[in-house]
Full PDB file with SEQRES, HELIX, SHEET, SSBOND, CRYST1, ORIGX, SCALE, CONECT and MASTER records, all heavy atoms in Angstrom:
SEQRES   1 A   31  THR PRO PRO ASN GLY VAL LEU LYS ASP THR SER GLY TYR          
SEQRES   2 A   31  MET ASP ASN VAL ALA VAL PRO VAL ARG VAL ILE ASP ARG          
SEQRES   3 A   31  SER LYS MET SER GLY                                          
HELIX    1 AA1 ARG A   26  LYS A   28  5                                   3    
CRYST1    1.000    1.000    1.000  90.00  90.00  90.00 P 1           1          
ORIGX1      1.000000  0.000000  0.000000        0.00000                         
ORIGX2      0.000000  1.000000  0.000000        0.00000                         
ORIGX3      0.000000  0.000000  1.000000        0.00000                         
SCALE1      1.000000  0.000000  0.000000        0.00000                         
SCALE2      0.000000  1.000000  0.000000        0.00000                         
SCALE3      0.000000  0.000000  1.000000        0.00000                         
ATOM      1  N   THR A   1       7.705  -3.558   1.136  1.00  0.00           N  
ATOM      2  CA  THR A   1       8.832  -4.409   1.235  1.00  0.00           C  
ATOM      3  C   THR A   1       8.868  -5.132   2.621  1.00  0.00           C  
ATOM      4  O   THR A   1       8.954  -4.470   3.605  1.00  0.00           O  
ATOM      5  CB  THR A   1      10.173  -3.649   1.050  1.00  0.00           C  
ATOM      6  OG1 THR A   1      10.080  -2.944  -0.161  1.00  0.00           O  
ATOM      7  CG2 THR A   1      11.355  -4.571   1.014  1.00  0.00           C  
ATOM      8  N   PRO A   2       8.765  -6.400   2.645  1.00  0.00           N  
ATOM      9  CA  PRO A   2       8.552  -7.374   1.536  1.00  0.00           C  
ATOM     10  C   PRO A   2       7.046  -7.309   1.169  1.00  0.00           C  
ATOM     11  O   PRO A   2       6.218  -6.935   2.007  1.00  0.00           O  
ATOM     12  CB  PRO A   2       8.903  -8.756   2.137  1.00  0.00           C  
ATOM     13  CG  PRO A   2       8.686  -8.586   3.573  1.00  0.00           C  
ATOM     14  CD  PRO A   2       8.979  -7.133   3.923  1.00  0.00           C  
ATOM     15  N   PRO A   3       6.690  -7.764  -0.026  1.00  0.00           N  
ATOM     16  CA  PRO A   3       5.305  -7.761  -0.426  1.00  0.00           C  
ATOM     17  C   PRO A   3       4.495  -8.635   0.556  1.00  0.00           C  
ATOM     18  O   PRO A   3       4.973  -9.712   0.923  1.00  0.00           O  
ATOM     19  CB  PRO A   3       5.356  -8.415  -1.836  1.00  0.00           C  
ATOM     20  CG  PRO A   3       6.747  -8.237  -2.310  1.00  0.00           C  
ATOM     21  CD  PRO A   3       7.592  -8.215  -1.052  1.00  0.00           C  
ATOM     22  N   ASN A   4       3.316  -8.157   0.922  1.00  0.00           N  
ATOM     23  CA  ASN A   4       2.529  -8.927   1.922  1.00  0.00           C  
ATOM     24  C   ASN A   4       1.074  -9.063   1.592  1.00  0.00           C  
ATOM     25  O   ASN A   4       0.329  -9.753   2.263  1.00  0.00           O  
ATOM     26  CB  ASN A   4       2.722  -8.312   3.320  1.00  0.00           C  
ATOM     27  CG  ASN A   4       2.386  -6.838   3.301  1.00  0.00           C  
ATOM     28  OD1 ASN A   4       1.407  -6.383   2.666  1.00  0.00           O  
ATOM     29  ND2 ASN A   4       3.212  -6.065   3.961  1.00  0.00           N  
ATOM     30  N   GLY A   5       0.587  -8.449   0.567  1.00  0.00           N  
ATOM     31  CA  GLY A   5      -0.830  -8.568   0.177  1.00  0.00           C  
ATOM     32  C   GLY A   5      -1.758  -7.720   1.023  1.00  0.00           C  
ATOM     33  O   GLY A   5      -2.946  -7.711   0.807  1.00  0.00           O  
ATOM     34  N   VAL A   6      -1.225  -7.102   2.037  1.00  0.00           N  
ATOM     35  CA  VAL A   6      -2.047  -6.260   2.956  1.00  0.00           C  
ATOM     36  C   VAL A   6      -2.075  -4.807   2.490  1.00  0.00           C  
ATOM     37  O   VAL A   6      -3.097  -4.135   2.453  1.00  0.00           O  
ATOM     38  CB  VAL A   6      -1.525  -6.292   4.390  1.00  0.00           C  
ATOM     39  CG1 VAL A   6      -2.319  -5.409   5.312  1.00  0.00           C  
ATOM     40  CG2 VAL A   6      -1.540  -7.767   4.881  1.00  0.00           C  
ATOM     41  N   LEU A   7      -0.943  -4.291   2.052  1.00  0.00           N  
ATOM     42  CA  LEU A   7      -0.761  -2.905   1.541  1.00  0.00           C  
ATOM     43  C   LEU A   7      -0.628  -2.919   0.019  1.00  0.00           C  
ATOM     44  O   LEU A   7      -0.026  -3.865  -0.537  1.00  0.00           O  
ATOM     45  CB  LEU A   7       0.400  -2.206   2.211  1.00  0.00           C  
ATOM     46  CG  LEU A   7       0.260  -2.018   3.720  1.00  0.00           C  
ATOM     47  CD1 LEU A   7       1.620  -1.614   4.290  1.00  0.00           C  
ATOM     48  CD2 LEU A   7      -0.780  -0.983   4.053  1.00  0.00           C  
ATOM     49  N   LYS A   8      -1.036  -1.836  -0.625  1.00  0.00           N  
ATOM     50  CA  LYS A   8      -0.957  -1.757  -2.054  1.00  0.00           C  
ATOM     51  C   LYS A   8       0.144  -0.881  -2.489  1.00  0.00           C  
ATOM     52  O   LYS A   8       0.349   0.257  -2.022  1.00  0.00           O  
ATOM     53  CB  LYS A   8      -2.294  -1.211  -2.557  1.00  0.00           C  
ATOM     54  CG  LYS A   8      -2.339  -1.146  -4.078  1.00  0.00           C  
ATOM     55  CD  LYS A   8      -3.717  -0.668  -4.526  1.00  0.00           C  
ATOM     56  CE  LYS A   8      -3.688  -0.658  -6.051  1.00  0.00           C  
ATOM     57  NZ  LYS A   8      -4.816  -0.095  -6.668  1.00  0.00           N  
ATOM     58  N   ASP A   9       0.948  -1.314  -3.544  1.00  0.00           N  
ATOM     59  CA  ASP A   9       1.993  -0.465  -4.172  1.00  0.00           C  
ATOM     60  C   ASP A   9       1.324   0.606  -4.984  1.00  0.00           C  
ATOM     61  O   ASP A   9       0.123   0.440  -5.404  1.00  0.00           O  
ATOM     62  CB  ASP A   9       2.855  -1.307  -5.082  1.00  0.00           C  
ATOM     63  CG  ASP A   9       3.689  -2.343  -4.409  1.00  0.00           C  
ATOM     64  OD1 ASP A   9       3.780  -2.310  -3.116  1.00  0.00           O  
ATOM     65  OD2 ASP A   9       4.222  -3.255  -5.082  1.00  0.00           O  
ATOM     66  N   THR A  10       2.035   1.702  -5.224  1.00  0.00           N  
ATOM     67  CA  THR A  10       1.483   2.781  -6.082  1.00  0.00           C  
ATOM     68  C   THR A  10       2.651   3.511  -6.739  1.00  0.00           C  
ATOM     69  O   THR A  10       3.781   3.328  -6.350  1.00  0.00           O  
ATOM     70  CB  THR A  10       0.556   3.725  -5.252  1.00  0.00           C  
ATOM     71  OG1 THR A  10      -0.074   4.625  -6.158  1.00  0.00           O  
ATOM     72  CG2 THR A  10       1.357   4.544  -4.236  1.00  0.00           C  
ATOM     73  N   SER A  11       2.316   4.338  -7.670  1.00  0.00           N  
ATOM     74  CA  SER A  11       3.373   5.192  -8.330  1.00  0.00           C  
ATOM     75  C   SER A  11       2.723   6.486  -8.856  1.00  0.00           C  
ATOM     76  O   SER A  11       1.500   6.600  -8.845  1.00  0.00           O  
ATOM     77  CB  SER A  11       3.991   4.441  -9.484  1.00  0.00           C  
ATOM     78  OG  SER A  11       3.023   4.118 -10.467  1.00  0.00           O  
ATOM     79  N   GLY A  12       3.575   7.447  -9.196  1.00  0.00           N  
ATOM     80  CA  GLY A  12       3.048   8.715  -9.691  1.00  0.00           C  
ATOM     81  C   GLY A  12       4.117   9.549 -10.339  1.00  0.00           C  
ATOM     82  O   GLY A  12       5.248   9.168 -10.523  1.00  0.00           O  
ATOM     83  N   TYR A  13       3.696  10.777 -10.686  1.00  0.00           N  
ATOM     84  CA  TYR A  13       4.528  11.715 -11.461  1.00  0.00           C  
ATOM     85  C   TYR A  13       4.414  13.066 -10.814  1.00  0.00           C  
ATOM     86  O   TYR A  13       3.317  13.544 -10.439  1.00  0.00           O  
ATOM     87  CB  TYR A  13       3.994  11.791 -12.919  1.00  0.00           C  
ATOM     88  CG  TYR A  13       4.739  12.676 -13.783  1.00  0.00           C  
ATOM     89  CD1 TYR A  13       5.980  12.392 -14.277  1.00  0.00           C  
ATOM     90  CD2 TYR A  13       4.164  13.950 -14.158  1.00  0.00           C  
ATOM     91  CE1 TYR A  13       6.659  13.324 -15.089  1.00  0.00           C  
ATOM     92  CE2 TYR A  13       4.817  14.816 -14.966  1.00  0.00           C  
ATOM     93  CZ  TYR A  13       6.034  14.505 -15.459  1.00  0.00           C  
ATOM     94  OH  TYR A  13       6.755  15.384 -16.250  1.00  0.00           O  
ATOM     95  N   MET A  14       5.550  13.681 -10.643  1.00  0.00           N  
ATOM     96  CA  MET A  14       5.668  15.046 -10.043  1.00  0.00           C  
ATOM     97  C   MET A  14       5.307  14.997  -8.542  1.00  0.00           C  
ATOM     98  O   MET A  14       4.998  13.956  -7.966  1.00  0.00           O  
ATOM     99  CB  MET A  14       4.920  16.106 -10.780  1.00  0.00           C  
ATOM    100  CG  MET A  14       5.463  16.295 -12.205  1.00  0.00           C  
ATOM    101  SD  MET A  14       7.184  16.783 -12.297  1.00  0.00           S  
ATOM    102  CE  MET A  14       7.167  18.454 -11.823  1.00  0.00           C  
ATOM    103  N   ASP A  15       5.324  16.203  -7.880  1.00  0.00           N  
ATOM    104  CA  ASP A  15       5.055  16.261  -6.512  1.00  0.00           C  
ATOM    105  C   ASP A  15       3.618  15.924  -6.160  1.00  0.00           C  
ATOM    106  O   ASP A  15       2.675  16.241  -6.925  1.00  0.00           O  
ATOM    107  CB  ASP A  15       5.306  17.685  -5.968  1.00  0.00           C  
ATOM    108  CG  ASP A  15       6.752  18.099  -6.051  1.00  0.00           C  
ATOM    109  OD1 ASP A  15       7.625  17.242  -6.221  1.00  0.00           O  
ATOM    110  OD2 ASP A  15       7.050  19.340  -5.946  1.00  0.00           O  
ATOM    111  N   ASN A  16       3.375  15.246  -5.060  1.00  0.00           N  
ATOM    112  CA  ASN A  16       2.019  14.890  -4.589  1.00  0.00           C  
ATOM    113  C   ASN A  16       2.079  14.881  -3.070  1.00  0.00           C  
ATOM    114  O   ASN A  16       2.784  14.122  -2.427  1.00  0.00           O  
ATOM    115  CB  ASN A  16       1.583  13.558  -5.113  1.00  0.00           C  
ATOM    116  CG  ASN A  16       0.164  13.270  -4.878  1.00  0.00           C  
ATOM    117  OD1 ASN A  16      -0.443  13.834  -4.000  1.00  0.00           O  
ATOM    118  ND2 ASN A  16      -0.379  12.371  -5.650  1.00  0.00           N  
ATOM    119  N   VAL A  17       1.248  15.764  -2.455  1.00  0.00           N  
ATOM    120  CA  VAL A  17       1.244  15.874  -0.980  1.00  0.00           C  
ATOM    121  C   VAL A  17       0.171  14.993  -0.378  1.00  0.00           C  
ATOM    122  O   VAL A  17      -0.035  15.071   0.780  1.00  0.00           O  
ATOM    123  CB  VAL A  17       1.101  17.349  -0.506  1.00  0.00           C  
ATOM    124  CG1 VAL A  17       2.349  18.158  -0.919  1.00  0.00           C  
ATOM    125  CG2 VAL A  17      -0.181  17.940  -1.056  1.00  0.00           C  
ATOM    126  N   ALA A  18      -0.549  14.239  -1.228  1.00  0.00           N  
ATOM    127  CA  ALA A  18      -1.605  13.360  -0.721  1.00  0.00           C  
ATOM    128  C   ALA A  18      -1.608  12.018  -1.458  1.00  0.00           C  
ATOM    129  O   ALA A  18      -2.602  11.585  -2.004  1.00  0.00           O  
ATOM    130  CB  ALA A  18      -2.912  14.057  -0.871  1.00  0.00           C  
ATOM    131  N   VAL A  19      -0.492  11.295  -1.375  1.00  0.00           N  
ATOM    132  CA  VAL A  19      -0.421   9.984  -1.975  1.00  0.00           C  
ATOM    133  C   VAL A  19      -1.134   9.007  -1.112  1.00  0.00           C  
ATOM    134  O   VAL A  19      -0.786   8.822   0.068  1.00  0.00           O  
ATOM    135  CB  VAL A  19       1.078   9.531  -2.121  1.00  0.00           C  
ATOM    136  CG1 VAL A  19       1.153   8.135  -2.710  1.00  0.00           C  
ATOM    137  CG2 VAL A  19       1.842  10.550  -2.993  1.00  0.00           C  
ATOM    138  N   PRO A  20      -2.142   8.307  -1.638  1.00  0.00           N  
ATOM    139  CA  PRO A  20      -2.915   7.356  -0.757  1.00  0.00           C  
ATOM    140  C   PRO A  20      -2.082   6.068  -0.604  1.00  0.00           C  
ATOM    141  O   PRO A  20      -1.588   5.498  -1.502  1.00  0.00           O  
ATOM    142  CB  PRO A  20      -4.161   7.106  -1.553  1.00  0.00           C  
ATOM    143  CG  PRO A  20      -3.832   7.402  -2.990  1.00  0.00           C  
ATOM    144  CD  PRO A  20      -2.743   8.451  -2.939  1.00  0.00           C  
ATOM    145  N   VAL A  21      -1.979   5.660   0.694  1.00  0.00           N  
ATOM    146  CA  VAL A  21      -1.402   4.346   1.020  1.00  0.00           C  
ATOM    147  C   VAL A  21      -2.564   3.548   1.523  1.00  0.00           C  
ATOM    148  O   VAL A  21      -3.209   3.953   2.529  1.00  0.00           O  
ATOM    149  CB  VAL A  21      -0.309   4.476   2.054  1.00  0.00           C  
ATOM    150  CG1 VAL A  21       0.252   3.109   2.432  1.00  0.00           C  
ATOM    151  CG2 VAL A  21       0.834   5.379   1.534  1.00  0.00           C  
ATOM    152  N   ARG A  22      -2.891   2.427   0.890  1.00  0.00           N  
ATOM    153  CA  ARG A  22      -4.103   1.678   1.205  1.00  0.00           C  
ATOM    154  C   ARG A  22      -3.884   0.301   1.765  1.00  0.00           C  
ATOM    155  O   ARG A  22      -3.029  -0.439   1.310  1.00  0.00           O  
ATOM    156  CB  ARG A  22      -4.934   1.525  -0.076  1.00  0.00           C  
ATOM    157  CG  ARG A  22      -5.357   2.835  -0.714  1.00  0.00           C  
ATOM    158  CD  ARG A  22      -6.161   2.549  -1.983  1.00  0.00           C  
ATOM    159  NE  ARG A  22      -6.383   3.741  -2.755  1.00  0.00           N  
ATOM    160  CZ  ARG A  22      -7.255   4.702  -2.461  1.00  0.00           C  
ATOM    161  NH1 ARG A  22      -8.018   4.589  -1.436  1.00  0.00           N  
ATOM    162  NH2 ARG A  22      -7.373   5.768  -3.268  1.00  0.00           N  
ATOM    163  N   VAL A  23      -4.682  -0.013   2.801  1.00  0.00           N  
ATOM    164  CA  VAL A  23      -4.769  -1.412   3.243  1.00  0.00           C  
ATOM    165  C   VAL A  23      -5.837  -2.053   2.411  1.00  0.00           C  
ATOM    166  O   VAL A  23      -6.958  -1.616   2.278  1.00  0.00           O  
ATOM    167  CB  VAL A  23      -5.236  -1.426   4.746  1.00  0.00           C  
ATOM    168  CG1 VAL A  23      -5.526  -2.850   5.162  1.00  0.00           C  
ATOM    169  CG2 VAL A  23      -4.165  -0.828   5.651  1.00  0.00           C  
ATOM    170  N   ILE A  24      -5.438  -3.168   1.687  1.00  0.00           N  
ATOM    171  CA  ILE A  24      -6.365  -3.794   0.767  1.00  0.00           C  
ATOM    172  C   ILE A  24      -6.922  -5.113   1.322  1.00  0.00           C  
ATOM    173  O   ILE A  24      -7.986  -5.547   0.885  1.00  0.00           O  
ATOM    174  CB  ILE A  24      -5.723  -4.012  -0.615  1.00  0.00           C  
ATOM    175  CG1 ILE A  24      -4.411  -4.776  -0.519  1.00  0.00           C  
ATOM    176  CG2 ILE A  24      -5.501  -2.696  -1.311  1.00  0.00           C  
ATOM    177  CD1 ILE A  24      -3.818  -5.204  -1.881  1.00  0.00           C  
ATOM    178  N   ASP A  25      -6.200  -5.799   2.268  1.00  0.00           N  
ATOM    179  CA  ASP A  25      -6.709  -7.075   2.748  1.00  0.00           C  
ATOM    180  C   ASP A  25      -6.065  -7.443   4.072  1.00  0.00           C  
ATOM    181  O   ASP A  25      -5.015  -8.075   4.125  1.00  0.00           O  
ATOM    182  CB  ASP A  25      -6.438  -8.139   1.691  1.00  0.00           C  
ATOM    183  CG  ASP A  25      -7.193  -9.438   1.982  1.00  0.00           C  
ATOM    184  OD1 ASP A  25      -7.831  -9.551   3.051  1.00  0.00           O  
ATOM    185  OD2 ASP A  25      -7.130 -10.380   1.178  1.00  0.00           O  
ATOM    186  N   ARG A  26      -6.757  -7.105   5.186  1.00  0.00           N  
ATOM    187  CA  ARG A  26      -6.199  -7.426   6.477  1.00  0.00           C  
ATOM    188  C   ARG A  26      -6.251  -8.922   6.779  1.00  0.00           C  
ATOM    189  O   ARG A  26      -5.561  -9.443   7.651  1.00  0.00           O  
ATOM    190  CB  ARG A  26      -7.033  -6.698   7.557  1.00  0.00           C  
ATOM    191  CG  ARG A  26      -6.564  -5.264   7.826  1.00  0.00           C  
ATOM    192  CD  ARG A  26      -7.282  -4.700   9.056  1.00  0.00           C  
ATOM    193  NE  ARG A  26      -6.617  -3.525   9.531  1.00  0.00           N  
ATOM    194  CZ  ARG A  26      -6.941  -2.250   9.164  1.00  0.00           C  
ATOM    195  NH1 ARG A  26      -7.841  -2.100   8.222  1.00  0.00           N  
ATOM    196  NH2 ARG A  26      -6.287  -1.232   9.667  1.00  0.00           N  
ATOM    197  N   SER A  27      -7.076  -9.662   6.059  1.00  0.00           N  
ATOM    198  CA  SER A  27      -7.154 -11.140   6.292  1.00  0.00           C  
ATOM    199  C   SER A  27      -5.867 -11.835   5.987  1.00  0.00           C  
ATOM    200  O   SER A  27      -5.633 -12.999   6.414  1.00  0.00           O  
ATOM    201  CB  SER A  27      -8.303 -11.721   5.530  1.00  0.00           C  
ATOM    202  OG  SER A  27      -7.983 -11.738   4.131  1.00  0.00           O  
ATOM    203  N   LYS A  28      -4.956 -11.218   5.225  1.00  0.00           N  
ATOM    204  CA  LYS A  28      -3.709 -11.800   4.900  1.00  0.00           C  
ATOM    205  C   LYS A  28      -2.622 -11.605   6.003  1.00  0.00           C  
ATOM    206  O   LYS A  28      -1.513 -12.047   5.845  1.00  0.00           O  
ATOM    207  CB  LYS A  28      -3.166 -11.276   3.586  1.00  0.00           C  
ATOM    208  CG  LYS A  28      -4.038 -11.716   2.428  1.00  0.00           C  
ATOM    209  CD  LYS A  28      -3.511 -11.262   1.121  1.00  0.00           C  
ATOM    210  CE  LYS A  28      -4.427 -11.724  -0.026  1.00  0.00           C  
ATOM    211  NZ  LYS A  28      -4.039 -11.241  -1.305  1.00  0.00           N  
ATOM    212  N   MET A  29      -3.007 -10.896   7.076  1.00  0.00           N  
ATOM    213  CA  MET A  29      -2.117 -10.690   8.185  1.00  0.00           C  
ATOM    214  C   MET A  29      -1.963 -11.979   8.994  1.00  0.00           C  
ATOM    215  O   MET A  29      -3.000 -12.641   9.259  1.00  0.00           O  
ATOM    216  CB  MET A  29      -2.546  -9.537   9.067  1.00  0.00           C  
ATOM    217  CG  MET A  29      -2.500  -8.190   8.412  1.00  0.00           C  
ATOM    218  SD  MET A  29      -3.253  -6.862   9.386  1.00  0.00           S  
ATOM    219  CE  MET A  29      -2.311  -6.883  10.864  1.00  0.00           C  
ATOM    220  N   SER A  30      -0.774 -12.360   9.363  1.00  0.00           N  
ATOM    221  CA  SER A  30      -0.553 -13.589  10.105  1.00  0.00           C  
ATOM    222  C   SER A  30      -0.738 -13.412  11.632  1.00  0.00           C  
ATOM    223  O   SER A  30      -0.848 -14.364  12.350  1.00  0.00           O  
ATOM    224  CB  SER A  30       0.856 -14.137   9.858  1.00  0.00           C  
ATOM    225  OG  SER A  30       1.799 -13.163  10.228  1.00  0.00           O  
ATOM    226  N   GLY A  31      -0.798 -12.167  12.085  1.00  0.00           N  
ATOM    227  CA  GLY A  31      -1.015 -11.845  13.485  1.00  0.00           C  
ATOM    228  C   GLY A  31      -1.904 -10.679  13.638  1.00  0.00           C  
ATOM    229  O   GLY A  31      -2.526 -10.160  12.702  1.00  0.00           O  
TER     230      GLY A  31                                                      
MASTER        0    0    0    1    0    0    0    6  229    1    0    3          
END                                                                             
């Protein structure tokens, strides 16, 4: 939030102690 194209949304079910949060495209960063 807000969507930026740099990080990826994800979802899941039940407890997870290792949810991956990924950088998908640094070239979309403005700075």
